[in-house]
């Protein structure tokens, strides 16, 4: 019923920047919250950043604070992650997560995107 499509990943040198996008489509009344997670080879998936529906509340992993910025465009149901000062340890598959409310009064359902690879070379 809902599809999340990430884009913007790629290969970048250390110190560079990338901007990830996640577009949600389908039956959507609201999405709260939305977030980015990442999974490096051999490691568990971890939280990178989340943002509430109004954008007024954000949360970041300590490892990305001051370098990454999460934002969203509710009119487009799109989530963004601006990543600056990238480090080799940021290399991972980045996943978009959304808790979607289909209609008012219904419980939210969680969705994941397919992931986008971010590789930072030293």
N, C-alpha and C. Protein backbone atom coordinates (compact mmCIF):
# COMPACT_ATOMS: atom_id res chain seq x y z
N UNK A 1 0.81 -1.21 0.00
CA UNK A 1 0.00 0.00 0.00
C UNK A 1 0.84 1.26 0.00
N UNK A 2 2.04 1.17 0.56
CA UNK A 2 2.96 2.30 0.58
C UNK A 2 4.31 1.86 0.08
N UNK A 3 4.92 2.70 -0.71
CA UNK A 3 6.24 2.41 -1.27
C UNK A 3 7.19 3.54 -0.91
N UNK A 4 8.38 3.16 -0.45
CA UNK A 4 9.44 4.13 -0.15
C UNK A 4 10.58 3.89 -1.12
N UNK A 5 11.01 4.94 -1.82
CA UNK A 5 12.08 4.81 -2.79
C UNK A 5 13.18 5.80 -2.44
N UNK A 6 14.36 5.24 -2.11
CA UNK A 6 15.51 6.07 -1.78
C UNK A 6 16.33 6.36 -3.03
N UNK A 7 17.04 7.47 -2.99
CA UNK A 7 17.98 7.82 -4.06
C UNK A 7 19.04 8.74 -3.49
N UNK A 8 20.11 8.93 -4.27
CA UNK A 8 21.15 9.87 -3.87
C UNK A 8 22.42 9.26 -3.34
N UNK A 9 22.44 7.94 -3.17
CA UNK A 9 23.66 7.32 -2.69
C UNK A 9 24.73 7.32 -3.77
N UNK A 10 25.94 6.91 -3.38
CA UNK A 10 27.02 6.84 -4.34
C UNK A 10 28.37 6.76 -3.66
N UNK A 11 29.40 6.99 -4.46
CA UNK A 11 30.79 6.95 -3.99
C UNK A 11 31.30 8.38 -3.86
N UNK A 12 31.88 8.68 -2.72
CA UNK A 12 32.40 10.02 -2.48
C UNK A 12 33.68 9.92 -1.66
N UNK A 13 34.56 10.88 -1.82
CA UNK A 13 35.79 10.90 -1.04
C UNK A 13 35.51 11.44 0.36
N UNK A 14 36.35 11.06 1.29
CA UNK A 14 36.23 11.56 2.66
C UNK A 14 36.25 13.09 2.64
N UNK A 15 35.36 13.67 3.44
CA UNK A 15 35.21 15.11 3.47
C UNK A 15 34.16 15.65 2.53
N UNK A 16 33.67 14.78 1.65
CA UNK A 16 32.66 15.19 0.68
C UNK A 16 31.25 15.16 1.24
N UNK A 17 30.29 15.42 0.36
CA UNK A 17 28.89 15.50 0.75
C UNK A 17 28.01 14.69 -0.19
N UNK A 18 26.91 14.23 0.35
CA UNK A 18 25.86 13.58 -0.43
C UNK A 18 24.52 13.99 0.16
N UNK A 19 23.48 13.95 -0.68
CA UNK A 19 22.13 14.21 -0.20
C UNK A 19 21.25 13.04 -0.60
N UNK A 20 20.70 12.38 0.39
CA UNK A 20 19.79 11.26 0.16
C UNK A 20 18.35 11.76 0.16
N UNK A 21 17.53 11.11 -0.66
CA UNK A 21 16.10 11.40 -0.70
C UNK A 21 15.32 10.11 -0.54
N UNK A 22 14.13 10.23 0.02
CA UNK A 22 13.23 9.08 0.18
C UNK A 22 11.83 9.56 -0.13
N UNK A 23 11.27 9.07 -1.22
CA UNK A 23 9.93 9.49 -1.63
C UNK A 23 8.93 8.40 -1.27
N UNK A 24 7.88 8.80 -0.56
CA UNK A 24 6.82 7.87 -0.17
C UNK A 24 5.62 8.06 -1.07
N UNK A 25 5.02 6.94 -1.49
CA UNK A 25 3.84 7.00 -2.34
C UNK A 25 2.86 5.92 -1.92
N UNK A 26 1.58 6.14 -2.24
CA UNK A 26 0.56 5.18 -1.89
C UNK A 26 -0.53 5.83 -1.06
N UNK A 27 -1.21 5.00 -0.27
CA UNK A 27 -2.29 5.49 0.59
C UNK A 27 -1.68 6.07 1.85
N UNK A 28 -1.66 7.39 1.93
CA UNK A 28 -1.00 8.08 3.04
C UNK A 28 -1.86 9.22 3.54
N UNK A 29 -2.19 9.17 4.84
CA UNK A 29 -2.82 10.33 5.49
C UNK A 29 -1.75 11.18 6.15
N UNK A 30 -0.87 10.51 6.87
CA UNK A 30 0.25 11.22 7.48
C UNK A 30 1.38 10.22 7.76
N UNK A 31 2.56 10.74 7.97
CA UNK A 31 3.72 9.91 8.29
C UNK A 31 4.42 10.52 9.50
N UNK A 32 4.48 9.75 10.56
CA UNK A 32 5.13 10.27 11.76
C UNK A 32 5.65 9.16 12.64
N UNK A 33 6.95 9.07 12.88
CA UNK A 33 7.97 9.90 12.28
C UNK A 33 8.51 9.27 10.99
N UNK A 34 9.49 9.94 10.40
CA UNK A 34 10.29 9.37 9.32
C UNK A 34 11.74 9.36 9.79
N UNK A 35 12.51 8.44 9.25
CA UNK A 35 13.88 8.37 9.72
C UNK A 35 14.81 7.68 8.74
N UNK A 36 16.07 7.85 9.01
CA UNK A 36 17.13 7.16 8.24
C UNK A 36 17.87 6.22 9.19
N UNK A 37 18.14 5.03 8.68
CA UNK A 37 18.94 4.04 9.38
C UNK A 37 20.04 3.61 8.41
N UNK A 38 21.07 2.97 8.95
CA UNK A 38 22.13 2.46 8.09
C UNK A 38 22.64 1.14 8.62
N UNK A 39 23.19 0.35 7.69
CA UNK A 39 23.75 -0.94 8.05
C UNK A 39 25.04 -1.15 7.29
N UNK A 40 26.12 -1.25 8.03
CA UNK A 40 27.42 -1.53 7.45
C UNK A 40 27.62 -3.04 7.42
N UNK A 41 28.51 -3.53 6.54
CA UNK A 41 28.75 -4.97 6.47
C UNK A 41 29.15 -5.56 7.81
N UNK A 42 28.48 -6.62 8.20
CA UNK A 42 28.81 -7.30 9.44
C UNK A 42 28.30 -6.62 10.69
N UNK A 43 27.52 -5.55 10.52
CA UNK A 43 27.02 -4.82 11.68
C UNK A 43 25.49 -4.77 11.66
N UNK A 44 24.93 -4.46 12.82
CA UNK A 44 23.48 -4.32 12.91
C UNK A 44 23.03 -2.98 12.34
N UNK A 45 21.78 -2.96 11.91
CA UNK A 45 21.20 -1.71 11.43
C UNK A 45 21.10 -0.73 12.61
N UNK A 46 21.48 0.51 12.36
CA UNK A 46 21.47 1.50 13.43
C UNK A 46 20.76 2.78 12.99
N UNK A 47 20.22 3.46 13.98
CA UNK A 47 19.55 4.72 13.74
C UNK A 47 20.56 5.79 13.34
N UNK A 48 20.21 6.56 12.30
CA UNK A 48 21.03 7.71 11.92
C UNK A 48 20.34 8.99 12.38
N UNK A 49 19.07 9.15 11.98
CA UNK A 49 18.34 10.37 12.35
C UNK A 49 16.85 10.15 12.14
N UNK A 50 16.03 10.82 12.94
CA UNK A 50 14.58 10.79 12.76
C UNK A 50 14.04 12.21 12.85
N UNK A 51 12.83 12.37 12.30
CA UNK A 51 12.17 13.68 12.30
C UNK A 51 10.68 13.48 12.42
N UNK A 52 10.02 14.31 13.23
CA UNK A 52 8.58 14.22 13.39
C UNK A 52 7.86 14.86 12.20
N UNK A 53 6.53 14.68 12.18
CA UNK A 53 5.78 15.10 11.01
C UNK A 53 5.88 16.59 10.75
N UNK A 54 5.90 17.40 11.81
CA UNK A 54 5.99 18.83 11.62
C UNK A 54 7.40 19.34 11.46
N UNK A 55 8.34 18.42 11.62
CA UNK A 55 9.74 18.80 11.48
C UNK A 55 10.31 19.49 12.71
N UNK A 56 9.47 19.59 13.75
CA UNK A 56 9.92 20.34 14.91
C UNK A 56 10.84 19.58 15.84
N UNK A 57 10.88 18.27 15.67
CA UNK A 57 11.71 17.47 16.56
C UNK A 57 12.56 16.53 15.74
N UNK A 58 13.85 16.59 15.96
CA UNK A 58 14.79 15.71 15.28
C UNK A 58 15.66 15.00 16.30
N UNK A 59 16.18 13.87 15.88
CA UNK A 59 17.08 13.08 16.73
C UNK A 59 18.19 12.56 15.85
N UNK A 60 19.42 12.61 16.36
CA UNK A 60 20.57 12.16 15.60
C UNK A 60 21.42 11.19 16.43
N UNK A 61 22.03 10.27 15.74
CA UNK A 61 23.05 9.45 16.38
C UNK A 61 24.24 10.34 16.71
N UNK A 62 24.90 10.04 17.81
CA UNK A 62 26.05 10.87 18.22
C UNK A 62 27.11 10.93 17.13
N UNK A 63 27.25 9.85 16.38
CA UNK A 63 28.31 9.77 15.38
C UNK A 63 28.10 10.70 14.19
N UNK A 64 26.87 11.21 14.02
CA UNK A 64 26.60 12.08 12.85
C UNK A 64 26.21 13.49 13.25
N UNK A 65 26.06 13.76 14.52
CA UNK A 65 25.67 15.10 14.97
C UNK A 65 26.65 16.15 14.48
N UNK A 66 26.09 17.23 13.96
CA UNK A 66 26.91 18.32 13.45
C UNK A 66 27.36 18.12 12.01
N UNK A 67 27.17 16.92 11.46
CA UNK A 67 27.57 16.65 10.07
C UNK A 67 26.37 16.36 9.17
N UNK A 68 25.36 15.69 9.71
CA UNK A 68 24.17 15.30 8.94
C UNK A 68 22.98 16.16 9.36
N UNK A 69 22.10 16.42 8.40
CA UNK A 69 20.87 17.16 8.68
C UNK A 69 19.69 16.45 8.03
N UNK A 70 18.70 16.12 8.84
CA UNK A 70 17.49 15.48 8.33
C UNK A 70 16.41 16.54 8.13
N UNK A 71 15.64 16.38 7.06
CA UNK A 71 14.54 17.30 6.79
C UNK A 71 13.47 16.57 6.00
N UNK A 72 12.31 17.18 5.87
CA UNK A 72 11.23 16.54 5.12
C UNK A 72 10.35 17.60 4.46
N UNK A 73 9.72 17.18 3.37
CA UNK A 73 8.75 18.01 2.67
C UNK A 73 7.43 17.24 2.71
N UNK A 74 6.54 17.63 3.59
CA UNK A 74 5.30 16.88 3.77
C UNK A 74 4.40 16.95 2.54
N UNK A 75 4.46 18.05 1.80
CA UNK A 75 3.64 18.17 0.60
C UNK A 75 4.02 17.13 -0.44
N UNK A 76 5.29 16.75 -0.42
CA UNK A 76 5.79 15.76 -1.38
C UNK A 76 5.99 14.39 -0.75
N UNK A 77 5.69 14.28 0.55
CA UNK A 77 5.95 13.02 1.27
C UNK A 77 7.38 12.54 1.04
N UNK A 78 8.31 13.45 1.13
CA UNK A 78 9.70 13.14 0.84
C UNK A 78 10.59 13.50 2.03
N UNK A 79 11.50 12.61 2.30
CA UNK A 79 12.46 12.76 3.39
C UNK A 79 13.84 12.97 2.79
N UNK A 80 14.65 13.78 3.46
CA UNK A 80 16.01 14.06 2.98
C UNK A 80 17.02 13.83 4.09
N UNK A 81 18.25 13.57 3.67
CA UNK A 81 19.37 13.52 4.59
C UNK A 81 20.57 14.17 3.92
N UNK A 82 20.93 15.35 4.38
CA UNK A 82 22.11 16.03 3.89
C UNK A 82 23.30 15.56 4.71
N UNK A 83 24.27 14.97 4.04
CA UNK A 83 25.42 14.41 4.73
C UNK A 83 26.67 15.18 4.31
N UNK A 84 27.29 15.85 5.25
CA UNK A 84 28.51 16.61 5.00
C UNK A 84 29.68 16.02 5.78
N UNK A 85 30.87 16.41 5.40
CA UNK A 85 32.09 15.94 6.08
C UNK A 85 32.07 14.43 6.25
N UNK A 86 31.78 13.74 5.18
CA UNK A 86 31.64 12.29 5.25
C UNK A 86 32.96 11.62 5.60
N UNK A 87 32.85 10.52 6.34
CA UNK A 87 34.01 9.75 6.79
C UNK A 87 33.90 8.32 6.26
N UNK A 88 35.01 7.63 6.13
CA UNK A 88 34.93 6.22 5.68
C UNK A 88 34.00 5.38 6.55
N UNK A 89 33.92 5.68 7.83
CA UNK A 89 33.05 4.91 8.72
C UNK A 89 31.57 5.17 8.49
N UNK A 90 31.24 6.13 7.64
CA UNK A 90 29.85 6.35 7.25
C UNK A 90 29.41 5.40 6.14
N UNK A 91 30.34 4.64 5.59
CA UNK A 91 30.02 3.69 4.53
C UNK A 91 29.02 2.65 5.02
N UNK A 92 27.90 2.55 4.31
CA UNK A 92 26.83 1.64 4.71
C UNK A 92 25.72 1.71 3.66
N UNK A 93 24.77 0.80 3.79
CA UNK A 93 23.51 0.93 3.07
C UNK A 93 22.57 1.75 3.95
N UNK A 94 22.02 2.79 3.40
CA UNK A 94 21.13 3.69 4.13
C UNK A 94 19.68 3.38 3.77
N UNK A 95 18.87 3.20 4.81
CA UNK A 95 17.47 2.84 4.64
C UNK A 95 16.56 3.94 5.18
N UNK A 96 15.48 4.17 4.46
CA UNK A 96 14.45 5.09 4.89
C UNK A 96 13.39 4.29 5.65
N UNK A 97 12.89 4.86 6.72
CA UNK A 97 11.83 4.23 7.51
C UNK A 97 10.70 5.23 7.71
N UNK A 98 9.47 4.74 7.61
CA UNK A 98 8.32 5.63 7.79
C UNK A 98 7.22 4.91 8.53
N UNK A 99 6.61 5.57 9.50
CA UNK A 99 5.42 5.05 10.17
C UNK A 99 4.22 5.79 9.57
N UNK A 100 3.44 5.03 8.80
CA UNK A 100 2.40 5.61 7.96
C UNK A 100 1.02 5.39 8.58
N UNK A 101 0.24 6.45 8.62
CA UNK A 101 -1.16 6.36 8.98
C UNK A 101 -1.97 6.47 7.70
N UNK A 102 -2.72 5.42 7.38
CA UNK A 102 -3.46 5.40 6.12
C UNK A 102 -4.64 6.35 6.15
N UNK A 103 -5.40 6.28 7.25
CA UNK A 103 -6.60 7.11 7.40
C UNK A 103 -6.66 7.61 8.83
N UNK A 104 -7.33 8.72 9.10
CA UNK A 104 -7.41 9.23 10.48
C UNK A 104 -8.00 8.18 11.41
N UNK A 105 -7.35 8.03 12.56
CA UNK A 105 -7.85 7.09 13.56
C UNK A 105 -7.31 5.69 13.44
N UNK A 106 -6.52 5.41 12.40
CA UNK A 106 -5.94 4.07 12.25
C UNK A 106 -4.56 4.04 12.87
N UNK A 107 -4.12 2.84 13.19
CA UNK A 107 -2.78 2.69 13.78
C UNK A 107 -1.72 2.80 12.70
N UNK A 108 -0.55 3.33 13.06
CA UNK A 108 0.51 3.46 12.05
C UNK A 108 1.11 2.11 11.67
N UNK A 109 1.56 2.03 10.44
CA UNK A 109 2.25 0.83 9.94
C UNK A 109 3.64 1.25 9.49
N UNK A 110 4.62 0.43 9.82
CA UNK A 110 6.02 0.76 9.51
C UNK A 110 6.42 0.21 8.15
N UNK A 111 7.15 1.03 7.41
CA UNK A 111 7.65 0.63 6.10
C UNK A 111 9.14 0.96 6.00
N UNK A 112 9.83 0.15 5.19
CA UNK A 112 11.24 0.36 4.90
C UNK A 112 11.44 0.52 3.40
N UNK A 113 12.39 1.35 3.02
CA UNK A 113 12.80 1.42 1.64
C UNK A 113 13.76 0.29 1.32
N UNK A 114 14.20 0.24 0.06
CA UNK A 114 15.06 -0.85 -0.39
C UNK A 114 16.52 -0.61 -0.05
N UNK A 115 16.84 0.63 0.32
CA UNK A 115 18.21 0.97 0.69
C UNK A 115 18.99 1.58 -0.46
N UNK A 116 19.93 2.45 -0.10
CA UNK A 116 20.83 3.04 -1.08
C UNK A 116 22.25 3.01 -0.51
N UNK A 117 23.19 2.59 -1.34
CA UNK A 117 24.57 2.40 -0.89
C UNK A 117 25.31 3.74 -0.84
N UNK A 118 25.96 3.99 0.27
CA UNK A 118 26.86 5.12 0.42
C UNK A 118 28.25 4.58 0.71
N UNK A 119 29.21 4.94 -0.12
CA UNK A 119 30.59 4.50 0.07
C UNK A 119 31.50 5.72 0.14
N UNK A 120 32.25 5.81 1.23
CA UNK A 120 33.15 6.93 1.43
C UNK A 120 34.58 6.40 1.39
N UNK A 121 35.35 6.88 0.44
CA UNK A 121 36.73 6.42 0.30
C UNK A 121 37.68 7.34 1.06
N UNK A 122 38.75 6.75 1.55
CA UNK A 122 39.71 7.53 2.35
C UNK A 122 40.79 8.14 1.47
